[in-house]
Protein backbone atom coordinates (compact mmCIF):
# COMPACT_ATOMS: atom_id res chain seq x y z
CA UNK A 1 0.00 0.00 0.00
CA UNK A 2 1.40 3.36 -1.03
CA UNK A 3 2.19 5.67 1.87
CA UNK A 4 0.82 9.24 1.70
CA UNK A 5 2.99 12.00 3.11
CA UNK A 6 1.58 15.49 3.57
CA UNK A 7 3.35 18.67 4.62
CA UNK A 8 1.81 22.12 4.39
CA UNK A 9 -0.13 22.12 1.08
CA UNK A 10 2.00 19.44 -0.57
CA UNK A 11 1.42 15.70 -0.82
CA UNK A 12 3.82 13.00 -1.88
CA UNK A 13 3.30 9.28 -2.27
CA UNK A 14 5.95 6.76 -1.27
CA UNK A 15 6.55 3.30 -2.67
CA UNK A 16 6.83 1.14 0.42
CA UNK A 17 8.99 -1.41 -1.40
CA UNK A 18 11.90 0.84 -2.47
CA UNK A 19 11.13 4.07 -0.60
CA UNK A 20 11.05 6.44 -3.58
CA UNK A 21 8.61 9.36 -3.54
CA UNK A 22 6.25 10.51 -6.29
CA UNK A 23 3.95 13.47 -6.91
CA UNK A 24 1.22 11.19 -8.34
CA UNK A 25 -0.34 8.33 -6.42
CA UNK A 26 -0.79 6.30 -9.61
CA UNK A 27 2.95 6.42 -10.32
CA UNK A 28 3.79 5.32 -6.78
CA UNK A 29 1.34 2.42 -7.15
CA UNK A 30 2.98 1.38 -10.46
CA UNK A 31 6.40 1.54 -8.80
CA UNK A 32 5.27 -0.52 -5.85
CA UNK A 33 3.67 -3.16 -8.07
CA UNK A 34 6.80 -3.41 -10.23
CA UNK A 35 9.13 -3.59 -7.23
CA UNK A 36 7.04 -6.25 -5.55
CA UNK A 37 6.79 -8.43 -8.66
CA UNK A 38 10.33 -8.06 -10.04
CA UNK A 39 12.36 -7.30 -6.88
CA UNK A 40 13.95 -4.42 -8.79
CA UNK A 41 13.20 -0.88 -9.95
CA UNK A 42 12.00 0.11 -13.40
CA UNK A 43 13.94 3.02 -14.92
CA UNK A 44 10.88 4.27 -16.82
CA UNK A 45 8.94 4.54 -13.55
CA UNK A 46 11.66 5.89 -11.27
CA UNK A 47 12.45 8.77 -13.61
CA UNK A 48 9.20 10.27 -12.22
CA UNK A 49 10.53 10.15 -8.64
CA UNK A 50 10.90 13.46 -6.81
CA UNK A 51 13.56 14.66 -4.39
CA UNK A 52 12.44 14.98 -0.79
CA UNK A 53 15.32 17.09 0.52
CA UNK A 54 13.21 20.24 0.84
CA UNK A 55 9.90 18.56 1.53
C-alpha atoms as a PDB file:
ATOM      1  CA  UNK A   1       0.000   0.000   0.000  1.00  0.00           C
ATOM      2  CA  UNK A   2       1.400   3.362  -1.034  1.00  0.00           C
ATOM      3  CA  UNK A   3       2.188   5.673   1.866  1.00  0.00           C
ATOM      4  CA  UNK A   4       0.817   9.240   1.700  1.00  0.00           C
ATOM      5  CA  UNK A   5       2.993  11.998   3.109  1.00  0.00           C
ATOM      6  CA  UNK A   6       1.581  15.491   3.571  1.00  0.00           C
ATOM      7  CA  UNK A   7       3.350  18.666   4.616  1.00  0.00           C
ATOM      8  CA  UNK A   8       1.807  22.121   4.385  1.00  0.00           C
ATOM      9  CA  UNK A   9      -0.126  22.118   1.083  1.00  0.00           C
ATOM     10  CA  UNK A  10       2.001  19.437  -0.570  1.00  0.00           C
ATOM     11  CA  UNK A  11       1.420  15.701  -0.821  1.00  0.00           C
ATOM     12  CA  UNK A  12       3.820  12.996  -1.877  1.00  0.00           C
ATOM     13  CA  UNK A  13       3.301   9.277  -2.271  1.00  0.00           C
ATOM     14  CA  UNK A  14       5.950   6.762  -1.269  1.00  0.00           C
ATOM     15  CA  UNK A  15       6.553   3.296  -2.667  1.00  0.00           C
ATOM     16  CA  UNK A  16       6.835   1.138   0.424  1.00  0.00           C
ATOM     17  CA  UNK A  17       8.990  -1.411  -1.402  1.00  0.00           C
ATOM     18  CA  UNK A  18      11.899   0.835  -2.473  1.00  0.00           C
ATOM     19  CA  UNK A  19      11.131   4.065  -0.598  1.00  0.00           C
ATOM     20  CA  UNK A  20      11.052   6.441  -3.580  1.00  0.00           C
ATOM     21  CA  UNK A  21       8.607   9.359  -3.541  1.00  0.00           C
ATOM     22  CA  UNK A  22       6.248  10.505  -6.289  1.00  0.00           C
ATOM     23  CA  UNK A  23       3.950  13.467  -6.906  1.00  0.00           C
ATOM     24  CA  UNK A  24       1.225  11.193  -8.336  1.00  0.00           C
ATOM     25  CA  UNK A  25      -0.339   8.335  -6.416  1.00  0.00           C
ATOM     26  CA  UNK A  26      -0.791   6.299  -9.606  1.00  0.00           C
ATOM     27  CA  UNK A  27       2.947   6.421 -10.320  1.00  0.00           C
ATOM     28  CA  UNK A  28       3.789   5.318  -6.780  1.00  0.00           C
ATOM     29  CA  UNK A  29       1.345   2.417  -7.154  1.00  0.00           C
ATOM     30  CA  UNK A  30       2.980   1.380 -10.458  1.00  0.00           C
ATOM     31  CA  UNK A  31       6.399   1.541  -8.802  1.00  0.00           C
ATOM     32  CA  UNK A  32       5.274  -0.519  -5.846  1.00  0.00           C
ATOM     33  CA  UNK A  33       3.672  -3.160  -8.066  1.00  0.00           C
ATOM     34  CA  UNK A  34       6.803  -3.407 -10.228  1.00  0.00           C
ATOM     35  CA  UNK A  35       9.134  -3.585  -7.225  1.00  0.00           C
ATOM     36  CA  UNK A  36       7.036  -6.255  -5.545  1.00  0.00           C
ATOM     37  CA  UNK A  37       6.790  -8.427  -8.665  1.00  0.00           C
ATOM     38  CA  UNK A  38      10.329  -8.060 -10.038  1.00  0.00           C
ATOM     39  CA  UNK A  39      12.356  -7.304  -6.877  1.00  0.00           C
ATOM     40  CA  UNK A  40      13.949  -4.422  -8.785  1.00  0.00           C
ATOM     41  CA  UNK A  41      13.198  -0.878  -9.947  1.00  0.00           C
ATOM     42  CA  UNK A  42      11.997   0.112 -13.401  1.00  0.00           C
ATOM     43  CA  UNK A  43      13.940   3.023 -14.920  1.00  0.00           C
ATOM     44  CA  UNK A  44      10.876   4.269 -16.819  1.00  0.00           C
ATOM     45  CA  UNK A  45       8.942   4.542 -13.552  1.00  0.00           C
ATOM     46  CA  UNK A  46      11.655   5.895 -11.268  1.00  0.00           C
ATOM     47  CA  UNK A  47      12.452   8.775 -13.611  1.00  0.00           C
ATOM     48  CA  UNK A  48       9.203  10.267 -12.225  1.00  0.00           C
ATOM     49  CA  UNK A  49      10.531  10.148  -8.641  1.00  0.00           C
ATOM     50  CA  UNK A  50      10.901  13.461  -6.808  1.00  0.00           C
ATOM     51  CA  UNK A  51      13.564  14.657  -4.392  1.00  0.00           C
ATOM     52  CA  UNK A  52      12.441  14.981  -0.787  1.00  0.00           C
ATOM     53  CA  UNK A  53      15.324  17.087   0.519  1.00  0.00           C
ATOM     54  CA  UNK A  54      13.213  20.236   0.841  1.00  0.00           C
ATOM     55  CA  UNK A  55       9.900  18.564   1.530  1.00  0.00           C
END
